[in-house]
Structures are given as C-alpha cells and as structure tokens.
Amino acid sequence: KHTLALHRDAGSMFFLGEIYTDLPLPCTE
C-alpha cells in the first residue's frame, strides 16, 4: 500500500533492476 514491492521472505528492503531483452523467455509466476 506504500507503492513499493513487498515479499513475504524479504519485506521491501531491496533494490530492483531490469534487463529488457528480445529473447522470448518463459515468464515466472
């Protein structure tokens, strides 16, 4: 609700990063 990403095992104290790619990998759930 604070707009940040939350995880059951890690809370929200983490950074995010991304790799944009043209490789059609399967998506994770």
mmCIF file of all heavy atoms, coordinates in Angstrom:
data_MODEL
# 
_entry.id   MODEL 
# 
loop_
_atom_site.group_PDB 
_atom_site.id 
_atom_site.type_symbol 
_atom_site.label_atom_id 
_atom_site.label_alt_id 
_atom_site.label_comp_id 
_atom_site.label_asym_id 
_atom_site.label_entity_id 
_atom_site.label_seq_id 
_atom_site.pdbx_PDB_ins_code 
_atom_site.Cartn_x 
_atom_site.Cartn_y 
_atom_site.Cartn_z 
_atom_site.occupancy 
_atom_site.B_iso_or_equiv 
_atom_site.pdbx_formal_charge 
_atom_site.auth_seq_id 
_atom_site.auth_comp_id 
_atom_site.auth_asym_id 
_atom_site.auth_atom_id 
_atom_site.pdbx_PDB_model_num 
ATOM 1   N N   . LYS A 1 1  ? 0.815  -1.214  0.000   1.00 0.00 ? 1  LYS A N   1 
ATOM 2   C CA  . LYS A 1 1  ? 0.000  0.000   0.000   1.00 0.00 ? 1  LYS A CA  1 
ATOM 3   C C   . LYS A 1 1  ? 0.848  1.264   0.000   1.00 0.00 ? 1  LYS A C   1 
ATOM 4   O O   . LYS A 1 1  ? 0.351  2.346   -0.321  1.00 0.00 ? 1  LYS A O   1 
ATOM 5   C CB  . LYS A 1 1  ? -0.954 -0.021  1.200   1.00 0.00 ? 1  LYS A CB  1 
ATOM 6   C CG  . LYS A 1 1  ? -2.004 -1.123  1.073   1.00 0.00 ? 1  LYS A CG  1 
ATOM 7   C CD  . LYS A 1 1  ? -2.922 -1.199  2.278   1.00 0.00 ? 1  LYS A CD  1 
ATOM 8   C CE  . LYS A 1 1  ? -3.905 -2.362  2.110   1.00 0.00 ? 1  LYS A CE  1 
ATOM 9   N NZ  . LYS A 1 1  ? -4.793 -2.536  3.279   1.00 0.00 ? 1  LYS A NZ  1 
ATOM 10  N N   . HIS A 1 2  ? 2.130  1.130   0.346   1.00 0.00 ? 2  HIS A N   1 
ATOM 11  C CA  . HIS A 1 2  ? 3.044  2.273   0.257   1.00 0.00 ? 2  HIS A CA  1 
ATOM 12  C C   . HIS A 1 2  ? 3.617  2.419   -1.151  1.00 0.00 ? 2  HIS A C   1 
ATOM 13  O O   . HIS A 1 2  ? 4.475  3.281   -1.371  1.00 0.00 ? 2  HIS A O   1 
ATOM 14  C CB  . HIS A 1 2  ? 4.176  2.152   1.276   1.00 0.00 ? 2  HIS A CB  1 
ATOM 15  C CG  . HIS A 1 2  ? 4.860  0.821   1.329   1.00 0.00 ? 2  HIS A CG  1 
ATOM 16  N ND1 . HIS A 1 2  ? 4.860  -0.085  0.293   1.00 0.00 ? 2  HIS A ND1 1 
ATOM 17  C CD2 . HIS A 1 2  ? 5.581  0.241   2.326   1.00 0.00 ? 2  HIS A CD2 1 
ATOM 18  C CE1 . HIS A 1 2  ? 5.539  -1.151  0.643   1.00 0.00 ? 2  HIS A CE1 1 
ATOM 19  N NE2 . HIS A 1 2  ? 5.985  -0.982  1.878   1.00 0.00 ? 2  HIS A NE2 1 
ATOM 20  N N   . THR A 1 3  ? 3.186  1.569   -2.065  1.00 0.00 ? 3  THR A N   1 
ATOM 21  C CA  . THR A 1 3  ? 3.529  1.541   -3.500  1.00 0.00 ? 3  THR A CA  1 
ATOM 22  C C   . THR A 1 3  ? 4.820  0.790   -3.794  1.00 0.00 ? 3  THR A C   1 
ATOM 23  O O   . THR A 1 3  ? 5.171  0.617   -4.958  1.00 0.00 ? 3  THR A O   1 
ATOM 24  C CB  . THR A 1 3  ? 3.617  2.945   -4.145  1.00 0.00 ? 3  THR A CB  1 
ATOM 25  O OG1 . THR A 1 3  ? 4.815  3.611   -3.765  1.00 0.00 ? 3  THR A OG1 1 
ATOM 26  C CG2 . THR A 1 3  ? 2.395  3.789   -3.811  1.00 0.00 ? 3  THR A CG2 1 
ATOM 27  N N   . LEU A 1 4  ? 5.550  0.334   -2.793  1.00 0.00 ? 4  LEU A N   1 
ATOM 28  C CA  . LEU A 1 4  ? 6.790  -0.405  -3.004  1.00 0.00 ? 4  LEU A CA  1 
ATOM 29  C C   . LEU A 1 4  ? 6.498  -1.894  -3.136  1.00 0.00 ? 4  LEU A C   1 
ATOM 30  O O   . LEU A 1 4  ? 5.441  -2.373  -2.726  1.00 0.00 ? 4  LEU A O   1 
ATOM 31  C CB  . LEU A 1 4  ? 7.752  -0.168  -1.840  1.00 0.00 ? 4  LEU A CB  1 
ATOM 32  C CG  . LEU A 1 4  ? 8.122  1.293   -1.574  1.00 0.00 ? 4  LEU A CG  1 
ATOM 33  C CD1 . LEU A 1 4  ? 8.912  1.400   -0.275  1.00 0.00 ? 4  LEU A CD1 1 
ATOM 34  C CD2 . LEU A 1 4  ? 8.906  1.880   -2.733  1.00 0.00 ? 4  LEU A CD2 1 
ATOM 35  N N   . ALA A 1 5  ? 7.443  -2.616  -3.705  1.00 0.00 ? 5  ALA A N   1 
ATOM 36  C CA  . ALA A 1 5  ? 7.303  -4.065  -3.828  1.00 0.00 ? 5  ALA A CA  1 
ATOM 37  C C   . ALA A 1 5  ? 7.572  -4.729  -2.476  1.00 0.00 ? 5  ALA A C   1 
ATOM 38  O O   . ALA A 1 5  ? 8.500  -4.346  -1.762  1.00 0.00 ? 5  ALA A O   1 
ATOM 39  C CB  . ALA A 1 5  ? 8.255  -4.609  -4.885  1.00 0.00 ? 5  ALA A CB  1 
ATOM 40  N N   . LEU A 1 6  ? 6.760  -5.736  -2.159  1.00 0.00 ? 6  LEU A N   1 
ATOM 41  C CA  . LEU A 1 6  ? 6.884  -6.471  -0.903  1.00 0.00 ? 6  LEU A CA  1 
ATOM 42  C C   . LEU A 1 6  ? 6.987  -7.959  -1.179  1.00 0.00 ? 6  LEU A C   1 
ATOM 43  O O   . LEU A 1 6  ? 6.349  -8.474  -2.103  1.00 0.00 ? 6  LEU A O   1 
ATOM 44  C CB  . LEU A 1 6  ? 5.642  -6.243  -0.030  1.00 0.00 ? 6  LEU A CB  1 
ATOM 45  C CG  . LEU A 1 6  ? 5.623  -5.046  0.911   1.00 0.00 ? 6  LEU A CG  1 
ATOM 46  C CD1 . LEU A 1 6  ? 4.232  -4.879  1.495   1.00 0.00 ? 6  LEU A CD1 1 
ATOM 47  C CD2 . LEU A 1 6  ? 6.639  -5.218  2.026   1.00 0.00 ? 6  LEU A CD2 1 
ATOM 48  N N   . HIS A 1 7  ? 7.797  -8.635  -0.358  1.00 0.00 ? 7  HIS A N   1 
ATOM 49  C CA  . HIS A 1 7  ? 7.934  -10.085 -0.481  1.00 0.00 ? 7  HIS A CA  1 
ATOM 50  C C   . HIS A 1 7  ? 7.816  -10.700 0.905   1.00 0.00 ? 7  HIS A C   1 
ATOM 51  O O   . HIS A 1 7  ? 8.351  -10.152 1.881   1.00 0.00 ? 7  HIS A O   1 
ATOM 52  C CB  . HIS A 1 7  ? 9.286  -10.441 -1.113  1.00 0.00 ? 7  HIS A CB  1 
ATOM 53  C CG  . HIS A 1 7  ? 9.399  -11.858 -1.566  1.00 0.00 ? 7  HIS A CG  1 
ATOM 54  N ND1 . HIS A 1 7  ? 9.584  -12.907 -0.699  1.00 0.00 ? 7  HIS A ND1 1 
ATOM 55  C CD2 . HIS A 1 7  ? 9.343  -12.406 -2.811  1.00 0.00 ? 7  HIS A CD2 1 
ATOM 56  C CE1 . HIS A 1 7  ? 9.652  -14.039 -1.379  1.00 0.00 ? 7  HIS A CE1 1 
ATOM 57  N NE2 . HIS A 1 7  ? 9.493  -13.767 -2.660  1.00 0.00 ? 7  HIS A NE2 1 
ATOM 58  N N   . ARG A 1 8  ? 7.137  -11.837 0.989   1.00 0.00 ? 8  ARG A N   1 
ATOM 59  C CA  . ARG A 1 8  ? 6.928  -12.486 2.294   1.00 0.00 ? 8  ARG A CA  1 
ATOM 60  C C   . ARG A 1 8  ? 8.236  -12.794 3.001   1.00 0.00 ? 8  ARG A C   1 
ATOM 61  O O   . ARG A 1 8  ? 8.324  -12.721 4.232   1.00 0.00 ? 8  ARG A O   1 
ATOM 62  C CB  . ARG A 1 8  ? 6.153  -13.801 2.111   1.00 0.00 ? 8  ARG A CB  1 
ATOM 63  C CG  . ARG A 1 8  ? 4.714  -13.648 1.679   1.00 0.00 ? 8  ARG A CG  1 
ATOM 64  C CD  . ARG A 1 8  ? 4.066  -15.002 1.463   1.00 0.00 ? 8  ARG A CD  1 
ATOM 65  N NE  . ARG A 1 8  ? 3.916  -15.716 2.719   1.00 0.00 ? 8  ARG A NE  1 
ATOM 66  C CZ  . ARG A 1 8  ? 2.736  -16.004 3.275   1.00 0.00 ? 8  ARG A CZ  1 
ATOM 67  N NH1 . ARG A 1 8  ? 1.616  -15.630 2.682   1.00 0.00 ? 8  ARG A NH1 1 
ATOM 68  N NH2 . ARG A 1 8  ? 2.660  -16.649 4.403   1.00 0.00 ? 8  ARG A NH2 1 
ATOM 69  N N   . ASP A 1 9  ? 9.265  -13.163 2.257   1.00 0.00 ? 9  ASP A N   1 
ATOM 70  C CA  . ASP A 1 9  ? 10.522 -13.592 2.862   1.00 0.00 ? 9  ASP A CA  1 
ATOM 71  C C   . ASP A 1 9  ? 11.570 -12.489 2.914   1.00 0.00 ? 9  ASP A C   1 
ATOM 72  O O   . ASP A 1 9  ? 12.685 -12.722 3.382   1.00 0.00 ? 9  ASP A O   1 
ATOM 73  C CB  . ASP A 1 9  ? 11.098 -14.777 2.083   1.00 0.00 ? 9  ASP A CB  1 
ATOM 74  C CG  . ASP A 1 9  ? 10.161 -15.975 2.085   1.00 0.00 ? 9  ASP A CG  1 
ATOM 75  O OD1 . ASP A 1 9  ? 9.459  -16.165 3.096   1.00 0.00 ? 9  ASP A OD1 1 
ATOM 76  O OD2 . ASP A 1 9  ? 10.115 -16.696 1.074   1.00 0.00 ? 9  ASP A OD2 1 
ATOM 77  N N   . ALA A 1 10 ? 11.232 -11.285 2.428   1.00 0.00 ? 10 ALA A N   1 
ATOM 78  C CA  . ALA A 1 10 ? 12.256 -10.242 2.350   1.00 0.00 ? 10 ALA A CA  1 
ATOM 79  C C   . ALA A 1 10 ? 11.731 -8.844  2.629   1.00 0.00 ? 10 ALA A C   1 
ATOM 80  O O   . ALA A 1 10 ? 12.495 -7.885  2.566   1.00 0.00 ? 10 ALA A O   1 
ATOM 81  C CB  . ALA A 1 10 ? 12.917 -10.263 0.969   1.00 0.00 ? 10 ALA A CB  1 
ATOM 82  N N   . GLY A 1 11 ? 10.454 -8.701  2.932   1.00 0.00 ? 11 GLY A N   1 
ATOM 83  C CA  . GLY A 1 11 ? 9.918  -7.371  3.157   1.00 0.00 ? 11 GLY A CA  1 
ATOM 84  C C   . GLY A 1 11 ? 10.035 -6.517  1.912   1.00 0.00 ? 11 GLY A C   1 
ATOM 85  O O   . GLY A 1 11 ? 9.727  -6.956  0.806   1.00 0.00 ? 11 GLY A O   1 
ATOM 86  N N   . SER A 1 12 ? 10.535 -5.278  2.107   1.00 0.00 ? 12 SER A N   1 
ATOM 87  C CA  . SER A 1 12 ? 10.686 -4.360  0.968   1.00 0.00 ? 12 SER A CA  1 
ATOM 88  C C   . SER A 1 12 ? 12.065 -3.735  0.881   1.00 0.00 ? 12 SER A C   1 
ATOM 89  O O   . SER A 1 12 ? 12.305 -2.860  0.042   1.00 0.00 ? 12 SER A O   1 
ATOM 90  C CB  . SER A 1 12 ? 9.645  -3.236  1.068   1.00 0.00 ? 12 SER A CB  1 
ATOM 91  O OG  . SER A 1 12 ? 9.836  -2.481  2.259   1.00 0.00 ? 12 SER A OG  1 
ATOM 92  N N   . MET A 1 13 ? 12.984 -4.193  1.711   1.00 0.00 ? 13 MET A N   1 
ATOM 93  C CA  . MET A 1 13 ? 14.305 -3.553  1.750   1.00 0.00 ? 13 MET A CA  1 
ATOM 94  C C   . MET A 1 13 ? 15.213 -4.139  0.679   1.00 0.00 ? 13 MET A C   1 
ATOM 95  O O   . MET A 1 13 ? 16.210 -4.812  0.951   1.00 0.00 ? 13 MET A O   1 
ATOM 96  C CB  . MET A 1 13 ? 14.921 -3.703  3.140   1.00 0.00 ? 13 MET A CB  1 
ATOM 97  C CG  . MET A 1 13 ? 13.978 -3.369  4.289   1.00 0.00 ? 13 MET A CG  1 
ATOM 98  S SD  . MET A 1 13 ? 13.311 -1.686  4.241   1.00 0.00 ? 13 MET A SD  1 
ATOM 99  C CE  . MET A 1 13 ? 14.710 -0.759  4.858   1.00 0.00 ? 13 MET A CE  1 
ATOM 100 N N   . PHE A 1 14 ? 14.842 -3.879  -0.563  1.00 0.00 ? 14 PHE A N   1 
ATOM 101 C CA  . PHE A 1 14 ? 15.662 -4.367  -1.675  1.00 0.00 ? 14 PHE A CA  1 
ATOM 102 C C   . PHE A 1 14 ? 15.546 -3.419  -2.862  1.00 0.00 ? 14 PHE A C   1 
ATOM 103 O O   . PHE A 1 14 ? 14.576 -2.665  -2.986  1.00 0.00 ? 14 PHE A O   1 
ATOM 104 C CB  . PHE A 1 14 ? 15.267 -5.790  -2.094  1.00 0.00 ? 14 PHE A CB  1 
ATOM 105 C CG  . PHE A 1 14 ? 13.782 -5.996  -2.330  1.00 0.00 ? 14 PHE A CG  1 
ATOM 106 C CD1 . PHE A 1 14 ? 13.171 -5.580  -3.503  1.00 0.00 ? 14 PHE A CD1 1 
ATOM 107 C CD2 . PHE A 1 14 ? 13.006 -6.645  -1.384  1.00 0.00 ? 14 PHE A CD2 1 
ATOM 108 C CE1 . PHE A 1 14 ? 11.815 -5.788  -3.726  1.00 0.00 ? 14 PHE A CE1 1 
ATOM 109 C CE2 . PHE A 1 14 ? 11.645 -6.858  -1.595  1.00 0.00 ? 14 PHE A CE2 1 
ATOM 110 C CZ  . PHE A 1 14 ? 11.054 -6.428  -2.773  1.00 0.00 ? 14 PHE A CZ  1 
ATOM 111 N N   . PHE A 1 15 ? 16.566 -3.448  -3.699  1.00 0.00 ? 15 PHE A N   1 
ATOM 112 C CA  . PHE A 1 15 ? 16.587 -2.681  -4.944  1.00 0.00 ? 15 PHE A CA  1 
ATOM 113 C C   . PHE A 1 15 ? 16.026 -3.536  -6.074  1.00 0.00 ? 15 PHE A C   1 
ATOM 114 O O   . PHE A 1 15 ? 16.063 -4.774  -6.015  1.00 0.00 ? 15 PHE A O   1 
ATOM 115 C CB  . PHE A 1 15 ? 18.012 -2.263  -5.305  1.00 0.00 ? 15 PHE A CB  1 
ATOM 116 C CG  . PHE A 1 15 ? 18.690 -1.407  -4.274  1.00 0.00 ? 15 PHE A CG  1 
ATOM 117 C CD1 . PHE A 1 15 ? 19.906 -1.790  -3.716  1.00 0.00 ? 15 PHE A CD1 1 
ATOM 118 C CD2 . PHE A 1 15 ? 18.128 -0.213  -3.856  1.00 0.00 ? 15 PHE A CD2 1 
ATOM 119 C CE1 . PHE A 1 15 ? 20.537 -0.996  -2.767  1.00 0.00 ? 15 PHE A CE1 1 
ATOM 120 C CE2 . PHE A 1 15 ? 18.749 0.584   -2.908  1.00 0.00 ? 15 PHE A CE2 1 
ATOM 121 C CZ  . PHE A 1 15 ? 19.956 0.187   -2.365  1.00 0.00 ? 15 PHE A CZ  1 
ATOM 122 N N   . LEU A 1 16 ? 15.553 -2.849  -7.107  1.00 0.00 ? 16 LEU A N   1 
ATOM 123 C CA  . LEU A 1 16 ? 15.065 -3.534  -8.298  1.00 0.00 ? 16 LEU A CA  1 
ATOM 124 C C   . LEU A 1 16 ? 15.910 -3.151  -9.498  1.00 0.00 ? 16 LEU A C   1 
ATOM 125 O O   . LEU A 1 16 ? 16.434 -2.035  -9.577  1.00 0.00 ? 16 LEU A O   1 
ATOM 126 C CB  . LEU A 1 16 ? 13.595 -3.162  -8.568  1.00 0.00 ? 16 LEU A CB  1 
ATOM 127 C CG  . LEU A 1 16 ? 12.577 -3.563  -7.499  1.00 0.00 ? 16 LEU A CG  1 
ATOM 128 C CD1 . LEU A 1 16 ? 11.209 -2.992  -7.839  1.00 0.00 ? 16 LEU A CD1 1 
ATOM 129 C CD2 . LEU A 1 16 ? 12.515 -5.075  -7.353  1.00 0.00 ? 16 LEU A CD2 1 
ATOM 130 N N   . GLY A 1 17 ? 16.030 -4.073  -10.432 1.00 0.00 ? 17 GLY A N   1 
ATOM 131 C CA  . GLY A 1 17 ? 16.730 -3.802  -11.684 1.00 0.00 ? 17 GLY A CA  1 
ATOM 132 C C   . GLY A 1 17 ? 16.093 -4.611  -12.797 1.00 0.00 ? 17 GLY A C   1 
ATOM 133 O O   . GLY A 1 17 ? 15.384 -5.595  -12.536 1.00 0.00 ? 17 GLY A O   1 
ATOM 134 N N   . GLU A 1 18 ? 16.321 -4.187  -14.027 1.00 0.00 ? 18 GLU A N   1 
ATOM 135 C CA  . GLU A 1 18 ? 15.674 -4.824  -15.168 1.00 0.00 ? 18 GLU A CA  1 
ATOM 136 C C   . GLU A 1 18 ? 16.636 -4.996  -16.342 1.00 0.00 ? 18 GLU A C   1 
ATOM 137 O O   . GLU A 1 18 ? 17.540 -4.181  -16.533 1.00 0.00 ? 18 GLU A O   1 
ATOM 138 C CB  . GLU A 1 18 ? 14.478 -3.993  -15.666 1.00 0.00 ? 18 GLU A CB  1 
ATOM 139 C CG  . GLU A 1 18 ? 13.389 -3.760  -14.647 1.00 0.00 ? 18 GLU A CG  1 
ATOM 140 C CD  . GLU A 1 18 ? 13.747 -2.677  -13.652 1.00 0.00 ? 18 GLU A CD  1 
ATOM 141 O OE1 . GLU A 1 18 ? 14.418 -1.700  -14.057 1.00 0.00 ? 18 GLU A OE1 1 
ATOM 142 O OE2 . GLU A 1 18 ? 13.380 -2.802  -12.457 1.00 0.00 ? 18 GLU A OE2 1 
ATOM 143 N N   . ILE A 1 19 ? 16.389 -6.051  -17.098 1.00 0.00 ? 19 ILE A N   1 
ATOM 144 C CA  . ILE A 1 19 ? 17.075 -6.275  -18.373 1.00 0.00 ? 19 ILE A CA  1 
ATOM 145 C C   . ILE A 1 19 ? 15.992 -6.414  -19.437 1.00 0.00 ? 19 ILE A C   1 
ATOM 146 O O   . ILE A 1 19 ? 15.210 -7.368  -19.415 1.00 0.00 ? 19 ILE A O   1 
ATOM 147 C CB  . ILE A 1 19 ? 17.943 -7.545  -18.351 1.00 0.00 ? 19 ILE A CB  1 
ATOM 148 C CG1 . ILE A 1 19 ? 19.003 -7.469  -17.257 1.00 0.00 ? 19 ILE A CG1 1 
ATOM 149 C CG2 . ILE A 1 19 ? 18.600 -7.761  -19.725 1.00 0.00 ? 19 ILE A CG2 1 
ATOM 150 C CD1 . ILE A 1 19 ? 19.746 -8.785  -17.022 1.00 0.00 ? 19 ILE A CD1 1 
ATOM 151 N N   . TYR A 1 20 ? 15.907 -5.443  -20.326 1.00 0.00 ? 20 TYR A N   1 
ATOM 152 C CA  . TYR A 1 20 ? 14.985 -5.539  -21.458 1.00 0.00 ? 20 TYR A CA  1 
ATOM 153 C C   . TYR A 1 20 ? 15.654 -6.411  -22.528 1.00 0.00 ? 20 TYR A C   1 
ATOM 154 O O   . TYR A 1 20 ? 16.811 -6.160  -22.899 1.00 0.00 ? 20 TYR A O   1 
ATOM 155 C CB  . TYR A 1 20 ? 14.696 -4.158  -22.038 1.00 0.00 ? 20 TYR A CB  1 
ATOM 156 C CG  . TYR A 1 20 ? 13.688 -3.345  -21.258 1.00 0.00 ? 20 TYR A CG  1 
ATOM 157 C CD1 . TYR A 1 20 ? 13.550 -3.474  -19.878 1.00 0.00 ? 20 TYR A CD1 1 
ATOM 158 C CD2 . TYR A 1 20 ? 12.854 -2.435  -21.900 1.00 0.00 ? 20 TYR A CD2 1 
ATOM 159 C CE1 . TYR A 1 20 ? 12.628 -2.729  -19.179 1.00 0.00 ? 20 TYR A CE1 1 
ATOM 160 C CE2 . TYR A 1 20 ? 11.925 -1.679  -21.207 1.00 0.00 ? 20 TYR A CE2 1 
ATOM 161 C CZ  . TYR A 1 20 ? 11.815 -1.829  -19.842 1.00 0.00 ? 20 TYR A CZ  1 
ATOM 162 O OH  . TYR A 1 20 ? 10.895 -1.083  -19.139 1.00 0.00 ? 20 TYR A OH  1 
ATOM 163 N N   . THR A 1 21 ? 14.936 -7.406  -23.012 1.00 0.00 ? 21 THR A N   1 
ATOM 164 C CA  . THR A 1 21 ? 15.554 -8.340  -23.943 1.00 0.00 ? 21 THR A CA  1 
ATOM 165 C C   . THR A 1 21 ? 14.593 -8.754  -25.050 1.00 0.00 ? 21 THR A C   1 
ATOM 166 O O   . THR A 1 21 ? 13.366 -8.720  -24.873 1.00 0.00 ? 21 THR A O   1 
ATOM 167 C CB  . THR A 1 21 ? 16.061 -9.595  -23.196 1.00 0.00 ? 21 THR A CB  1 
ATOM 168 O OG1 . THR A 1 21 ? 16.695 -10.482 -24.118 1.00 0.00 ? 21 THR A OG1 1 
ATOM 169 C CG2 . THR A 1 21 ? 14.918 -10.329 -22.506 1.00 0.00 ? 21 THR A CG2 1 
ATOM 170 N N   . ASP A 1 22 ? 15.162 -9.155  -26.177 1.00 0.00 ? 22 ASP A N   1 
ATOM 171 C CA  . ASP A 1 22 ? 14.365 -9.682  -27.293 1.00 0.00 ? 22 ASP A CA  1 
ATOM 172 C C   . ASP A 1 22 ? 14.308 -11.206 -27.265 1.00 0.00 ? 22 ASP A C   1 
ATOM 173 O O   . ASP A 1 22 ? 13.818 -11.836 -28.196 1.00 0.00 ? 22 ASP A O   1 
ATOM 174 C CB  . ASP A 1 22 ? 14.921 -9.199  -28.638 1.00 0.00 ? 22 ASP A CB  1 
ATOM 175 C CG  . ASP A 1 22 ? 16.387 -9.570  -28.837 1.00 0.00 ? 22 ASP A CG  1 
ATOM 176 O OD1 . ASP A 1 22 ? 16.931 -10.367 -28.055 1.00 0.00 ? 22 ASP A OD1 1 
ATOM 177 O OD2 . ASP A 1 22 ? 16.999 -9.048  -29.802 1.00 0.00 ? 22 ASP A OD2 1 
ATOM 178 N N   . LEU A 1 23 ? 14.785 -11.799 -26.172 1.00 0.00 ? 23 LEU A N   1 
ATOM 179 C CA  . LEU A 1 23 ? 14.772 -13.251 -26.026 1.00 0.00 ? 23 LEU A CA  1 
ATOM 180 C C   . LEU A 1 23 ? 13.440 -13.688 -25.411 1.00 0.00 ? 23 LEU A C   1 
ATOM 181 O O   . LEU A 1 23 ? 13.117 -13.281 -24.288 1.00 0.00 ? 23 LEU A O   1 
ATOM 182 C CB  . LEU A 1 23 ? 15.936 -13.689 -25.135 1.00 0.00 ? 23 LEU A CB  1 
ATOM 183 C CG  . LEU A 1 23 ? 16.161 -15.188 -24.961 1.00 0.00 ? 23 LEU A CG  1 
ATOM 184 C CD1 . LEU A 1 23 ? 16.562 -15.841 -26.283 1.00 0.00 ? 23 LEU A CD1 1 
ATOM 185 C CD2 . LEU A 1 23 ? 17.236 -15.431 -23.898 1.00 0.00 ? 23 LEU A CD2 1 
ATOM 186 N N   . PRO A 1 24 ? 12.625 -14.500 -26.082 1.00 0.00 ? 24 PRO A N   1 
ATOM 187 C CA  . PRO A 1 24 ? 11.292 -14.863 -25.590 1.00 0.00 ? 24 PRO A CA  1 
ATOM 188 C C   . PRO A 1 24 ? 11.326 -15.948 -24.505 1.00 0.00 ? 24 PRO A C   1 
ATOM 189 O O   . PRO A 1 24 ? 10.852 -17.072 -24.688 1.00 0.00 ? 24 PRO A O   1 
ATOM 190 C CB  . PRO A 1 24 ? 10.579 -15.357 -26.848 1.00 0.00 ? 24 PRO A CB  1 
ATOM 191 C CG  . PRO A 1 24 ? 11.666 -15.925 -27.690 1.00 0.00 ? 24 PRO A CG  1 
ATOM 192 C CD  . PRO A 1 24 ? 12.875 -15.041 -27.447 1.00 0.00 ? 24 PRO A CD  1 
ATOM 193 N N   . LEU A 1 25 ? 11.884 -15.583 -23.363 1.00 0.00 ? 25 LEU A N   1 
ATOM 194 C CA  . LEU A 1 25 ? 11.943 -16.495 -22.226 1.00 0.00 ? 25 LEU A CA  1 
ATOM 195 C C   . LEU A 1 25 ? 10.542 -16.734 -21.659 1.00 0.00 ? 25 LEU A C   1 
ATOM 196 O O   . LEU A 1 25 ? 9.651  -15.895 -21.806 1.00 0.00 ? 25 LEU A O   1 
ATOM 197 C CB  . LEU A 1 25 ? 12.834 -15.901 -21.135 1.00 0.00 ? 25 LEU A CB  1 
ATOM 198 C CG  . LEU A 1 25 ? 14.326 -15.748 -21.461 1.00 0.00 ? 25 LEU A CG  1 
ATOM 199 C CD1 . LEU A 1 25 ? 14.969 -14.821 -20.438 1.00 0.00 ? 25 LEU A CD1 1 
ATOM 200 C CD2 . LEU A 1 25 ? 15.010 -17.103 -21.473 1.00 0.00 ? 25 LEU A CD2 1 
ATOM 201 N N   . PRO A 1 26 ? 10.331 -17.853 -20.977 1.00 0.00 ? 26 PRO A N   1 
ATOM 202 C CA  . PRO A 1 26 ? 9.049  -18.048 -20.288 1.00 0.00 ? 26 PRO A CA  1 
ATOM 203 C C   . PRO A 1 26 ? 8.967  -17.127 -19.077 1.00 0.00 ? 26 PRO A C   1 
ATOM 204 O O   . PRO A 1 26 ? 9.979  -16.829 -18.446 1.00 0.00 ? 26 PRO A O   1 
ATOM 205 C CB  . PRO A 1 26 ? 9.102  -19.513 -19.864 1.00 0.00 ? 26 PRO A CB  1 
ATOM 206 C CG  . PRO A 1 26 ? 10.557 -19.821 -19.755 1.00 0.00 ? 26 PRO A CG  1 
ATOM 207 C CD  . PRO A 1 26 ? 11.235 -19.006 -20.822 1.00 0.00 ? 26 PRO A CD  1 
ATOM 208 N N   . CYS A 1 27 ? 7.765  -16.680 -18.768 1.00 0.00 ? 27 CYS A N   1 
ATOM 209 C CA  . CYS A 1 27 ? 7.582  -15.776 -17.644 1.00 0.00 ? 27 CYS A CA  1 
ATOM 210 C C   . CYS A 1 27 ? 7.491  -16.551 -16.334 1.00 0.00 ? 27 CYS A C   1 
ATOM 211 O O   . CYS A 1 27 ? 7.008  -17.684 -16.299 1.00 0.00 ? 27 CYS A O   1 
ATOM 212 C CB  . CYS A 1 27 ? 6.319  -14.950 -17.827 1.00 0.00 ? 27 CYS A CB  1 
ATOM 213 S SG  . CYS A 1 27 ? 6.360  -13.882 -19.275 1.00 0.00 ? 27 CYS A SG  1 
ATOM 214 N N   . THR A 1 28 ? 7.951  -15.944 -15.274 1.00 0.00 ? 28 THR A N   1 
ATOM 215 C CA  . THR A 1 28 ? 7.810  -16.522 -13.948 1.00 0.00 ? 28 THR A CA  1 
ATOM 216 C C   . THR A 1 28 ? 6.480  -16.076 -13.344 1.00 0.00 ? 28 THR A C   1 
ATOM 217 O O   . THR A 1 28 ? 5.924  -15.046 -13.713 1.00 0.00 ? 28 THR A O   1 
ATOM 218 C CB  . THR A 1 28 ? 8.979  -16.100 -13.047 1.00 0.00 ? 28 THR A CB  1 
ATOM 219 O OG1 . THR A 1 28 ? 9.170  -14.678 -13.145 1.00 0.00 ? 28 THR A OG1 1 
ATOM 220 C CG2 . THR A 1 28 ? 10.274 -16.781 -13.484 1.00 0.00 ? 28 THR A CG2 1 
ATOM 221 N N   . GLU A 1 29 ? 5.972  -16.854 -12.410 1.00 0.00 ? 29 GLU A N   1 
ATOM 222 C CA  . GLU A 1 29 ? 4.624  -16.647 -11.886 1.00 0.00 ? 29 GLU A CA  1 
ATOM 223 C C   . GLU A 1 29 ? 4.576  -15.480 -10.892 1.00 0.00 ? 29 GLU A C   1 
ATOM 224 O O   . GLU A 1 29 ? 5.452  -15.343 -10.037 1.00 0.00 ? 29 GLU A O   1 
ATOM 225 C CB  . GLU A 1 29 ? 4.127  -17.910 -11.191 1.00 0.00 ? 29 GLU A CB  1 
ATOM 226 C CG  . GLU A 1 29 ? 3.863  -19.072 -12.130 1.00 0.00 ? 29 GLU A CG  1 
ATOM 227 C CD  . GLU A 1 29 ? 2.707  -18.767 -13.071 1.00 0.00 ? 29 GLU A CD  1 
ATOM 228 O OE1 . GLU A 1 29 ? 1.706  -18.157 -12.621 1.00 0.00 ? 29 GLU A OE1 1 
ATOM 229 O OE2 . GLU A 1 29 ? 2.799  -19.140 -14.256 1.00 0.00 ? 29 GLU A OE2 1 
# 
